């Protein structure tokens, strides 16, 4: 496992459904639902929706959480919840929710707001902790997965996203190798 490279388990971007950065909120919602249906029916092996720019380069991925973040633009002003919660300061986060007016507007306003939102209004490029090199070892990915809690890492080659390394694939491979060690468990 120590010698395995990211390229050994990554999935190339060509295998994923894609959407344009210029797509509307409703197009993104439909694309996410379609990707999920195709995945569950076995028609597609992927449900992660990748976002392409004007030159068809992959610039990120889109999840249902990202859609919610896109509707509440004040989240871009706040990046502290995880840090505050980690240090047991949840009460500060609750105060920030109130101060920044997060999800203050009624849900009926969301339909109106959603028709004006485009993916490019809220998509964020992958952070440094969400990228890994194609020739990096899988051991490096363990650190990134555990520390940053991402479900997938963007795989880079010459600063271009060429694929994704999914945590589920790394877990399966690790589990298989550990079981091959022959360690017996005892039942209580």
N, C-alpha and C. Protein backbone atom coordinates (compact mmCIF):
# COMPACT_ATOMS: atom_id res chain seq x y z
N UNK A 1 0.84 -1.20 0.00
CA UNK A 1 0.00 0.00 0.00
C UNK A 1 0.87 1.25 0.00
N UNK A 2 2.03 1.18 0.69
CA UNK A 2 2.90 2.34 0.76
C UNK A 2 3.42 2.76 -0.61
N UNK A 3 3.52 1.79 -1.52
CA UNK A 3 4.06 2.10 -2.85
C UNK A 3 2.99 2.44 -3.87
N UNK A 4 1.74 2.24 -3.50
CA UNK A 4 0.65 2.55 -4.43
C UNK A 4 0.57 4.05 -4.65
N UNK A 5 0.32 4.42 -5.87
CA UNK A 5 0.19 5.83 -6.25
C UNK A 5 -1.29 6.19 -6.41
N UNK A 6 -1.55 7.46 -6.34
CA UNK A 6 -2.91 7.97 -6.53
C UNK A 6 -3.46 7.49 -7.86
N UNK A 7 -2.64 7.49 -8.89
CA UNK A 7 -3.10 7.09 -10.23
C UNK A 7 -3.66 5.67 -10.25
N UNK A 8 -3.25 4.83 -9.28
CA UNK A 8 -3.71 3.44 -9.24
C UNK A 8 -5.18 3.31 -8.83
N UNK A 9 -5.72 4.31 -8.11
CA UNK A 9 -7.10 4.23 -7.64
C UNK A 9 -7.99 5.37 -8.10
N UNK A 10 -7.41 6.36 -8.72
CA UNK A 10 -8.22 7.53 -9.12
C UNK A 10 -9.18 7.18 -10.25
N UNK A 11 -10.21 8.01 -10.39
CA UNK A 11 -11.17 7.88 -11.48
C UNK A 11 -11.01 9.11 -12.37
N UNK A 12 -10.79 8.89 -13.66
CA UNK A 12 -10.59 10.01 -14.59
C UNK A 12 -11.85 10.86 -14.70
N UNK A 13 -11.67 12.14 -14.95
CA UNK A 13 -12.80 13.07 -15.04
C UNK A 13 -13.80 12.67 -16.13
N UNK A 14 -13.34 11.99 -17.17
CA UNK A 14 -14.23 11.59 -18.26
C UNK A 14 -15.35 10.67 -17.79
N UNK A 15 -15.16 10.01 -16.66
CA UNK A 15 -16.14 9.05 -16.15
C UNK A 15 -17.28 9.71 -15.37
N UNK A 16 -17.18 11.00 -15.11
CA UNK A 16 -18.16 11.70 -14.28
C UNK A 16 -19.12 12.52 -15.12
N UNK A 17 -20.37 12.68 -14.65
CA UNK A 17 -21.27 13.64 -15.30
C UNK A 17 -20.74 15.06 -15.05
N UNK A 18 -21.03 15.95 -15.98
CA UNK A 18 -20.50 17.31 -15.88
C UNK A 18 -21.60 18.34 -16.12
N UNK A 19 -21.32 19.56 -15.63
CA UNK A 19 -22.23 20.68 -15.83
C UNK A 19 -21.40 21.93 -16.03
N UNK A 20 -21.94 22.86 -16.78
CA UNK A 20 -21.25 24.11 -17.07
C UNK A 20 -21.32 25.06 -15.87
N UNK A 21 -20.27 25.81 -15.67
CA UNK A 21 -20.23 26.82 -14.61
C UNK A 21 -21.30 27.89 -14.85
N UNK A 22 -21.77 28.02 -16.08
CA UNK A 22 -22.79 29.01 -16.42
C UNK A 22 -24.22 28.50 -16.20
N UNK A 23 -24.37 27.25 -15.80
CA UNK A 23 -25.71 26.68 -15.58
C UNK A 23 -26.42 27.39 -14.43
N UNK A 24 -27.73 27.37 -14.51
CA UNK A 24 -28.54 27.99 -13.46
C UNK A 24 -28.70 27.04 -12.27
N UNK A 25 -29.19 27.58 -11.20
CA UNK A 25 -29.47 26.78 -10.01
C UNK A 25 -30.39 25.62 -10.36
N UNK A 26 -31.46 25.90 -11.12
CA UNK A 26 -32.43 24.85 -11.46
C UNK A 26 -31.81 23.79 -12.37
N UNK A 27 -30.94 24.19 -13.28
CA UNK A 27 -30.25 23.20 -14.12
C UNK A 27 -29.34 22.33 -13.26
N UNK A 28 -28.70 22.93 -12.28
CA UNK A 28 -27.83 22.18 -11.38
C UNK A 28 -28.64 21.21 -10.53
N UNK A 29 -29.77 21.66 -10.03
CA UNK A 29 -30.65 20.81 -9.24
C UNK A 29 -31.09 19.60 -10.05
N UNK A 30 -31.50 19.83 -11.29
CA UNK A 30 -31.92 18.76 -12.18
C UNK A 30 -30.76 17.81 -12.49
N UNK A 31 -29.58 18.36 -12.75
CA UNK A 31 -28.41 17.54 -13.07
C UNK A 31 -28.01 16.66 -11.89
N UNK A 32 -28.08 17.20 -10.67
CA UNK A 32 -27.76 16.40 -9.48
C UNK A 32 -28.75 15.26 -9.30
N UNK A 33 -30.03 15.56 -9.50
CA UNK A 33 -31.05 14.51 -9.38
C UNK A 33 -30.87 13.43 -10.44
N UNK A 34 -30.57 13.84 -11.66
CA UNK A 34 -30.36 12.90 -12.75
C UNK A 34 -29.13 12.02 -12.47
N UNK A 35 -28.05 12.63 -12.02
CA UNK A 35 -26.83 11.87 -11.71
C UNK A 35 -27.11 10.83 -10.61
N UNK A 36 -27.88 11.22 -9.60
CA UNK A 36 -28.22 10.30 -8.52
C UNK A 36 -29.08 9.14 -9.03
N UNK A 37 -30.07 9.43 -9.86
CA UNK A 37 -30.94 8.38 -10.40
C UNK A 37 -30.15 7.40 -11.26
N UNK A 38 -29.28 7.93 -12.12
CA UNK A 38 -28.48 7.06 -12.98
C UNK A 38 -27.52 6.19 -12.16
N UNK A 39 -26.98 6.76 -11.11
CA UNK A 39 -26.09 6.01 -10.24
C UNK A 39 -26.85 4.88 -9.54
N UNK A 40 -28.00 5.20 -8.96
CA UNK A 40 -28.78 4.20 -8.23
C UNK A 40 -29.32 3.10 -9.14
N UNK A 41 -29.60 3.44 -10.40
CA UNK A 41 -30.12 2.44 -11.34
C UNK A 41 -29.00 1.59 -11.95
N UNK A 42 -27.75 1.97 -11.72
CA UNK A 42 -26.62 1.24 -12.29
C UNK A 42 -26.23 1.72 -13.67
N UNK A 43 -26.94 2.71 -14.17
CA UNK A 43 -26.64 3.25 -15.50
C UNK A 43 -25.32 4.02 -15.51
N UNK A 44 -24.94 4.56 -14.35
CA UNK A 44 -23.69 5.32 -14.24
C UNK A 44 -22.94 4.86 -12.99
N UNK A 45 -21.62 4.85 -13.09
CA UNK A 45 -20.81 4.46 -11.95
C UNK A 45 -20.47 5.63 -11.04
N UNK A 46 -20.89 6.82 -11.40
CA UNK A 46 -20.55 8.02 -10.63
C UNK A 46 -21.79 8.87 -10.38
N UNK A 47 -21.80 9.52 -9.23
CA UNK A 47 -22.88 10.47 -8.96
C UNK A 47 -22.32 11.85 -8.62
N UNK A 48 -21.03 11.96 -8.52
CA UNK A 48 -20.40 13.25 -8.29
C UNK A 48 -20.52 14.07 -9.58
N UNK A 49 -20.97 15.29 -9.47
CA UNK A 49 -21.19 16.17 -10.61
C UNK A 49 -20.02 17.16 -10.69
N UNK A 50 -19.24 17.07 -11.76
CA UNK A 50 -18.10 17.97 -11.94
C UNK A 50 -18.53 19.23 -12.68
N UNK A 51 -17.88 20.34 -12.35
CA UNK A 51 -18.19 21.64 -12.96
C UNK A 51 -17.07 22.00 -13.93
N UNK A 52 -17.49 22.37 -15.16
CA UNK A 52 -16.55 22.75 -16.21
C UNK A 52 -16.63 24.25 -16.47
N UNK A 53 -15.47 24.84 -16.82
CA UNK A 53 -15.48 26.25 -17.22
C UNK A 53 -15.71 26.36 -18.72
N UNK A 54 -15.52 27.57 -19.24
CA UNK A 54 -15.80 27.84 -20.66
C UNK A 54 -14.91 27.04 -21.61
N UNK A 55 -13.73 26.60 -21.14
CA UNK A 55 -12.83 25.81 -21.98
C UNK A 55 -12.93 24.31 -21.69
N UNK A 56 -13.98 23.93 -20.97
CA UNK A 56 -14.24 22.54 -20.58
C UNK A 56 -13.26 21.97 -19.56
N UNK A 57 -12.46 22.83 -18.94
CA UNK A 57 -11.57 22.38 -17.86
C UNK A 57 -12.41 22.20 -16.60
N UNK A 58 -12.09 21.18 -15.83
CA UNK A 58 -12.79 20.94 -14.57
C UNK A 58 -12.27 21.94 -13.53
N UNK A 59 -13.23 22.63 -12.89
CA UNK A 59 -12.85 23.64 -11.90
C UNK A 59 -13.38 23.33 -10.51
N UNK A 60 -14.17 22.28 -10.38
CA UNK A 60 -14.71 21.92 -9.07
C UNK A 60 -15.76 20.84 -9.20
N UNK A 61 -16.43 20.59 -8.08
CA UNK A 61 -17.54 19.63 -8.09
C UNK A 61 -18.71 20.25 -7.37
N UNK A 62 -19.88 19.75 -7.69
CA UNK A 62 -21.11 20.33 -7.16
C UNK A 62 -21.87 19.26 -6.38
N UNK A 63 -22.29 19.61 -5.18
CA UNK A 63 -23.06 18.71 -4.34
C UNK A 63 -24.34 19.42 -3.91
N UNK A 64 -25.29 18.68 -3.34
CA UNK A 64 -26.49 19.33 -2.82
C UNK A 64 -26.16 20.40 -1.77
N UNK A 65 -25.14 20.17 -0.97
CA UNK A 65 -24.74 21.18 0.04
C UNK A 65 -24.30 22.45 -0.66
N UNK A 66 -23.58 22.32 -1.76
CA UNK A 66 -23.13 23.50 -2.50
C UNK A 66 -24.32 24.31 -3.00
N UNK A 67 -25.37 23.61 -3.42
CA UNK A 67 -26.57 24.33 -3.88
C UNK A 67 -27.17 25.17 -2.76
N UNK A 68 -27.28 24.59 -1.58
CA UNK A 68 -27.80 25.36 -0.44
C UNK A 68 -26.90 26.55 -0.14
N UNK A 69 -25.61 26.33 -0.22
CA UNK A 69 -24.66 27.41 0.03
C UNK A 69 -24.85 28.52 -1.01
N UNK A 70 -25.18 28.12 -2.23
CA UNK A 70 -25.41 29.10 -3.29
C UNK A 70 -26.64 29.95 -3.07
N UNK A 71 -27.64 29.40 -2.38
CA UNK A 71 -28.84 30.18 -2.09
C UNK A 71 -28.63 31.16 -0.95
N UNK A 72 -27.75 30.83 -0.03
CA UNK A 72 -27.48 31.72 1.09
C UNK A 72 -26.08 32.29 0.91
N UNK A 73 -26.01 33.41 0.22
CA UNK A 73 -24.72 34.00 -0.15
C UNK A 73 -23.92 34.49 1.05
N UNK A 74 -24.54 34.68 2.18
CA UNK A 74 -23.79 35.13 3.35
C UNK A 74 -22.80 34.09 3.86
N UNK A 75 -22.96 32.82 3.44
CA UNK A 75 -21.99 31.81 3.85
C UNK A 75 -20.60 32.12 3.34
N UNK A 76 -20.51 32.81 2.22
CA UNK A 76 -19.19 33.17 1.70
C UNK A 76 -18.46 34.13 2.63
N UNK A 77 -19.22 34.81 3.49
CA UNK A 77 -18.61 35.73 4.44
C UNK A 77 -18.19 35.03 5.73
N UNK A 78 -18.66 33.81 5.91
CA UNK A 78 -18.40 33.09 7.15
C UNK A 78 -17.71 31.77 6.82
N UNK A 79 -16.57 31.51 7.42
CA UNK A 79 -15.86 30.26 7.19
C UNK A 79 -15.35 29.73 8.53
N UNK A 80 -16.17 29.86 9.56
CA UNK A 80 -15.66 29.58 10.89
C UNK A 80 -16.37 28.46 11.63
N UNK A 81 -17.50 27.97 11.13
CA UNK A 81 -18.28 27.00 11.90
C UNK A 81 -17.44 25.80 12.34
N UNK A 82 -16.74 25.19 11.41
CA UNK A 82 -15.99 23.99 11.73
C UNK A 82 -14.91 24.27 12.77
N UNK A 83 -14.20 25.36 12.60
CA UNK A 83 -13.14 25.71 13.55
C UNK A 83 -13.72 25.98 14.93
N UNK A 84 -14.79 26.75 15.00
CA UNK A 84 -15.39 27.08 16.29
C UNK A 84 -15.95 25.83 16.97
N UNK A 85 -16.61 24.97 16.20
CA UNK A 85 -17.17 23.75 16.76
C UNK A 85 -16.05 22.84 17.27
N UNK A 86 -14.97 22.75 16.50
CA UNK A 86 -13.84 21.91 16.87
C UNK A 86 -13.28 22.30 18.24
N UNK A 87 -13.26 23.57 18.53
CA UNK A 87 -12.72 24.05 19.81
C UNK A 87 -13.80 24.23 20.88
N UNK A 88 -14.99 23.67 20.64
CA UNK A 88 -16.05 23.71 21.64
C UNK A 88 -16.69 25.07 21.81
N UNK A 89 -16.64 25.88 20.78
CA UNK A 89 -17.19 27.23 20.86
C UNK A 89 -18.45 27.36 20.01
N UNK A 90 -19.32 26.35 20.06
CA UNK A 90 -20.55 26.33 19.26
C UNK A 90 -21.41 27.57 19.48
N UNK A 91 -21.40 28.07 20.69
CA UNK A 91 -22.24 29.22 21.01
C UNK A 91 -21.86 30.44 20.17
N UNK A 92 -20.59 30.56 19.80
CA UNK A 92 -20.16 31.67 18.94
C UNK A 92 -20.76 31.50 17.55
N UNK A 93 -20.78 30.25 17.04
CA UNK A 93 -21.35 29.99 15.72
C UNK A 93 -22.82 30.38 15.69
N UNK A 94 -23.54 30.02 16.75
CA UNK A 94 -24.96 30.37 16.80
C UNK A 94 -25.16 31.88 16.77
N UNK A 95 -24.29 32.59 17.44
CA UNK A 95 -24.35 34.05 17.43
C UNK A 95 -24.04 34.60 16.04
N UNK A 96 -23.07 33.98 15.34
CA UNK A 96 -22.72 34.42 13.99
C UNK A 96 -23.88 34.18 13.03
N UNK A 97 -24.59 33.05 13.20
CA UNK A 97 -25.75 32.78 12.35
C UNK A 97 -26.75 33.93 12.47
N UNK A 98 -26.95 34.37 13.68
CA UNK A 98 -27.89 35.46 13.92
C UNK A 98 -27.34 36.78 13.37
N UNK A 99 -26.07 37.08 13.64
CA UNK A 99 -25.46 38.34 13.21
C UNK A 99 -25.41 38.47 11.69
N UNK A 100 -25.11 37.36 11.00
CA UNK A 100 -25.01 37.41 9.54
C UNK A 100 -26.36 37.16 8.86
N UNK A 101 -27.38 36.84 9.63
CA UNK A 101 -28.72 36.62 9.07
C UNK A 101 -28.79 35.38 8.20
N UNK A 102 -28.07 34.32 8.59
CA UNK A 102 -28.06 33.10 7.79
C UNK A 102 -29.41 32.41 7.85
N UNK A 103 -29.99 32.14 6.71
CA UNK A 103 -31.28 31.49 6.53
C UNK A 103 -32.39 32.24 7.26
N UNK A 104 -32.29 33.55 7.20
CA UNK A 104 -33.28 34.40 7.82
C UNK A 104 -34.52 34.55 6.95
N UNK A 105 -34.34 34.53 5.63
CA UNK A 105 -35.46 34.74 4.70
C UNK A 105 -36.34 33.50 4.62
N UNK A 106 -37.61 33.67 4.45
CA UNK A 106 -38.52 32.53 4.35
C UNK A 106 -38.21 31.68 3.11
N UNK A 107 -38.55 30.40 3.21
CA UNK A 107 -38.29 29.49 2.10
C UNK A 107 -39.04 29.88 0.83
N UNK A 108 -40.18 30.54 0.95
CA UNK A 108 -40.91 30.93 -0.25
C UNK A 108 -40.10 31.90 -1.11
N UNK A 109 -39.18 32.63 -0.48
CA UNK A 109 -38.31 33.54 -1.24
C UNK A 109 -37.23 32.79 -2.01
N UNK A 110 -36.97 31.55 -1.62
CA UNK A 110 -35.90 30.79 -2.26
C UNK A 110 -36.18 30.54 -3.74
N UNK A 111 -37.42 30.26 -4.09
CA UNK A 111 -37.75 30.00 -5.50
C UNK A 111 -37.43 31.22 -6.36
N UNK A 112 -37.77 32.38 -5.87
CA UNK A 112 -37.47 33.60 -6.62
C UNK A 112 -35.97 33.82 -6.69
N UNK A 113 -35.30 33.65 -5.57
CA UNK A 113 -33.86 33.86 -5.51
C UNK A 113 -33.13 32.85 -6.42
N UNK A 114 -33.59 31.60 -6.41
CA UNK A 114 -32.92 30.54 -7.16
C UNK A 114 -32.90 30.78 -8.67
N UNK A 115 -33.90 31.46 -9.19
CA UNK A 115 -33.93 31.66 -10.65
C UNK A 115 -32.84 32.63 -11.12
N UNK A 116 -32.23 33.35 -10.22
CA UNK A 116 -31.18 34.31 -10.59
C UNK A 116 -29.78 33.81 -10.27
N UNK A 117 -29.68 32.66 -9.63
CA UNK A 117 -28.38 32.14 -9.20
C UNK A 117 -27.81 31.23 -10.27
N UNK A 118 -26.53 31.39 -10.53
CA UNK A 118 -25.78 30.52 -11.45
C UNK A 118 -24.66 29.86 -10.66
N UNK A 119 -24.21 28.72 -11.14
CA UNK A 119 -23.15 28.00 -10.45
C UNK A 119 -21.93 28.90 -10.25
N UNK A 120 -21.59 29.69 -11.25
CA UNK A 120 -20.40 30.53 -11.14
C UNK A 120 -20.50 31.56 -10.01
N UNK A 121 -21.71 31.80 -9.51
CA UNK A 121 -21.89 32.75 -8.41
C UNK A 121 -21.42 32.20 -7.08
N UNK A 122 -21.32 30.86 -6.97
CA UNK A 122 -20.97 30.31 -5.66
C UNK A 122 -19.95 29.18 -5.68
N UNK A 123 -19.60 28.67 -6.85
CA UNK A 123 -18.63 27.56 -6.89
C UNK A 123 -17.27 28.06 -6.42
N UNK A 124 -16.61 27.22 -5.66
CA UNK A 124 -15.27 27.56 -5.17
C UNK A 124 -14.27 26.56 -5.73
N UNK A 125 -13.09 27.05 -6.08
CA UNK A 125 -12.07 26.10 -6.55
C UNK A 125 -11.64 25.20 -5.39
N UNK A 126 -11.10 24.03 -5.69
CA UNK A 126 -10.65 23.14 -4.62
C UNK A 126 -9.57 23.81 -3.78
N UNK A 127 -9.63 23.58 -2.49
CA UNK A 127 -8.60 24.10 -1.59
C UNK A 127 -7.36 23.23 -1.70
N UNK A 128 -6.26 23.73 -1.17
CA UNK A 128 -5.01 22.96 -1.20
C UNK A 128 -5.18 21.61 -0.50
N UNK A 129 -5.98 21.58 0.56
CA UNK A 129 -6.22 20.35 1.29
C UNK A 129 -7.16 19.38 0.59
N UNK A 130 -7.66 19.79 -0.58
CA UNK A 130 -8.57 18.94 -1.34
C UNK A 130 -7.96 18.49 -2.66
N UNK A 131 -6.66 18.72 -2.83
CA UNK A 131 -5.98 18.31 -4.06
C UNK A 131 -4.79 17.42 -3.72
N UNK A 132 -4.47 16.56 -4.66
CA UNK A 132 -3.34 15.64 -4.50
C UNK A 132 -2.76 15.39 -5.89
N UNK A 133 -1.47 15.16 -5.95
CA UNK A 133 -0.81 14.89 -7.22
C UNK A 133 -1.03 13.47 -7.70
N UNK A 134 -1.07 13.29 -8.99
CA UNK A 134 -1.32 11.98 -9.60
C UNK A 134 -0.26 10.97 -9.19
N UNK A 135 0.97 11.42 -8.94
CA UNK A 135 2.05 10.50 -8.58
C UNK A 135 2.33 10.47 -7.08
N UNK A 136 1.51 11.13 -6.27
CA UNK A 136 1.64 11.04 -4.82
C UNK A 136 1.24 9.64 -4.36
N UNK A 137 1.74 9.26 -3.20
CA UNK A 137 1.38 7.95 -2.65
C UNK A 137 -0.01 8.01 -2.00
N UNK A 138 -0.64 6.86 -1.91
CA UNK A 138 -1.93 6.79 -1.24
C UNK A 138 -1.81 7.16 0.23
N UNK A 139 -0.65 6.93 0.82
CA UNK A 139 -0.43 7.28 2.22
C UNK A 139 -0.68 8.78 2.42
N UNK A 140 -0.25 9.60 1.48
CA UNK A 140 -0.49 11.04 1.59
C UNK A 140 -2.00 11.34 1.58
N UNK A 141 -2.75 10.55 0.83
CA UNK A 141 -4.20 10.79 0.77
C UNK A 141 -4.86 10.52 2.11
N UNK A 142 -4.34 9.57 2.90
CA UNK A 142 -4.93 9.28 4.21
C UNK A 142 -4.96 10.55 5.06
N UNK A 143 -3.84 11.24 5.09
CA UNK A 143 -3.75 12.47 5.88
C UNK A 143 -4.78 13.49 5.40
N UNK A 144 -4.86 13.70 4.09
CA UNK A 144 -5.80 14.68 3.55
C UNK A 144 -7.25 14.31 3.84
N UNK A 145 -7.58 13.04 3.69
CA UNK A 145 -8.96 12.61 3.96
C UNK A 145 -9.32 12.80 5.43
N UNK A 146 -8.42 12.38 6.31
CA UNK A 146 -8.72 12.45 7.74
C UNK A 146 -8.75 13.89 8.24
N UNK A 147 -7.77 14.67 7.88
CA UNK A 147 -7.66 16.03 8.41
C UNK A 147 -8.71 16.98 7.82
N UNK A 148 -9.06 16.80 6.56
CA UNK A 148 -9.94 17.76 5.90
C UNK A 148 -11.37 17.24 5.69
N UNK A 149 -11.59 15.97 5.94
CA UNK A 149 -12.92 15.35 5.88
C UNK A 149 -13.63 15.54 4.54
N UNK A 150 -12.89 15.38 3.47
CA UNK A 150 -13.49 15.44 2.13
C UNK A 150 -13.85 14.01 1.71
N UNK A 151 -14.87 13.89 0.87
CA UNK A 151 -15.25 12.58 0.37
C UNK A 151 -14.46 12.22 -0.89
N UNK A 152 -13.82 13.20 -1.48
CA UNK A 152 -13.01 12.96 -2.68
C UNK A 152 -11.93 14.05 -2.76
N UNK A 153 -10.81 13.69 -3.35
CA UNK A 153 -9.73 14.64 -3.59
C UNK A 153 -9.58 14.84 -5.09
N UNK A 154 -9.33 16.07 -5.50
CA UNK A 154 -9.07 16.36 -6.90
C UNK A 154 -7.64 15.94 -7.21
N UNK A 155 -7.47 15.18 -8.28
CA UNK A 155 -6.15 14.70 -8.68
C UNK A 155 -5.59 15.64 -9.74
N UNK A 156 -4.39 16.15 -9.46
CA UNK A 156 -3.75 17.13 -10.35
C UNK A 156 -2.57 16.52 -11.09
N UNK A 157 -2.46 16.94 -12.35
CA UNK A 157 -1.27 16.66 -13.14
C UNK A 157 -0.94 17.96 -13.86
N UNK A 158 0.22 18.51 -13.58
CA UNK A 158 0.62 19.81 -14.15
C UNK A 158 -0.44 20.88 -13.87
N UNK A 159 -0.92 20.95 -12.65
CA UNK A 159 -1.91 21.94 -12.20
C UNK A 159 -3.27 21.84 -12.90
N UNK A 160 -3.54 20.71 -13.55
CA UNK A 160 -4.83 20.47 -14.21
C UNK A 160 -5.53 19.32 -13.51
N UNK A 161 -6.80 19.48 -13.24
CA UNK A 161 -7.59 18.39 -12.62
C UNK A 161 -7.84 17.33 -13.68
N UNK A 162 -7.34 16.11 -13.40
CA UNK A 162 -7.51 15.01 -14.36
C UNK A 162 -8.40 13.89 -13.82
N UNK A 163 -8.71 13.96 -12.53
CA UNK A 163 -9.54 12.91 -11.95
C UNK A 163 -9.87 13.19 -10.50
N UNK A 164 -10.52 12.21 -9.89
CA UNK A 164 -10.86 12.29 -8.47
C UNK A 164 -10.39 11.01 -7.79
N UNK A 165 -9.91 11.16 -6.58
CA UNK A 165 -9.61 10.03 -5.73
C UNK A 165 -10.71 10.01 -4.68
N UNK A 166 -11.57 9.00 -4.74
CA UNK A 166 -12.71 8.94 -3.82
C UNK A 166 -12.32 8.19 -2.55
N UNK A 167 -12.76 8.70 -1.42
CA UNK A 167 -12.47 8.05 -0.15
C UNK A 167 -13.01 6.63 -0.14
N UNK A 168 -14.17 6.42 -0.73
CA UNK A 168 -14.77 5.07 -0.73
C UNK A 168 -13.85 4.05 -1.41
N UNK A 169 -13.15 4.45 -2.47
CA UNK A 169 -12.23 3.54 -3.15
C UNK A 169 -11.00 3.25 -2.31
N UNK A 170 -10.48 4.28 -1.65
CA UNK A 170 -9.31 4.11 -0.79
C UNK A 170 -9.68 3.21 0.39
N UNK A 171 -10.87 3.41 0.96
CA UNK A 171 -11.32 2.58 2.07
C UNK A 171 -11.44 1.12 1.65
N UNK A 172 -12.05 0.87 0.49
CA UNK A 172 -12.22 -0.51 0.00
C UNK A 172 -10.86 -1.19 -0.16
N UNK A 173 -9.92 -0.49 -0.77
CA UNK A 173 -8.59 -1.05 -1.02
C UNK A 173 -7.88 -1.32 0.31
N UNK A 174 -7.94 -0.39 1.23
CA UNK A 174 -7.30 -0.55 2.54
C UNK A 174 -7.92 -1.71 3.30
N UNK A 175 -9.23 -1.80 3.27
CA UNK A 175 -9.94 -2.87 3.96
C UNK A 175 -9.53 -4.23 3.40
N UNK A 176 -9.46 -4.33 2.09
CA UNK A 176 -9.09 -5.59 1.44
C UNK A 176 -7.67 -6.01 1.85
N UNK A 177 -6.74 -5.06 1.85
CA UNK A 177 -5.35 -5.36 2.22
C UNK A 177 -5.26 -5.78 3.68
N UNK A 178 -5.99 -5.10 4.54
CA UNK A 178 -5.95 -5.44 5.96
C UNK A 178 -6.51 -6.84 6.21
N UNK A 179 -7.55 -7.21 5.49
CA UNK A 179 -8.14 -8.54 5.65
C UNK A 179 -7.20 -9.62 5.14
N UNK A 180 -6.39 -9.29 4.14
CA UNK A 180 -5.43 -10.24 3.59
C UNK A 180 -4.28 -10.52 4.56
N UNK A 181 -4.11 -9.67 5.56
CA UNK A 181 -3.06 -9.88 6.56
C UNK A 181 -3.29 -11.13 7.37
N UNK A 182 -4.53 -11.59 7.42
CA UNK A 182 -4.84 -12.83 8.12
C UNK A 182 -5.05 -12.67 9.60
N UNK A 183 -5.21 -11.47 10.09
CA UNK A 183 -5.44 -11.26 11.51
C UNK A 183 -6.85 -11.74 11.85
N UNK A 184 -6.94 -12.60 12.84
CA UNK A 184 -8.24 -13.15 13.25
C UNK A 184 -8.83 -12.26 14.34
N UNK A 185 -10.13 -12.05 14.27
CA UNK A 185 -10.81 -11.31 15.31
C UNK A 185 -11.50 -12.29 16.24
N UNK A 186 -11.68 -11.87 17.47
CA UNK A 186 -12.39 -12.70 18.43
C UNK A 186 -13.74 -12.10 18.69
N UNK A 187 -14.73 -12.96 18.80
CA UNK A 187 -16.09 -12.51 19.11
C UNK A 187 -16.28 -12.57 20.61
N UNK A 188 -17.00 -11.61 21.13
CA UNK A 188 -17.28 -11.60 22.57
C UNK A 188 -18.66 -12.08 22.83
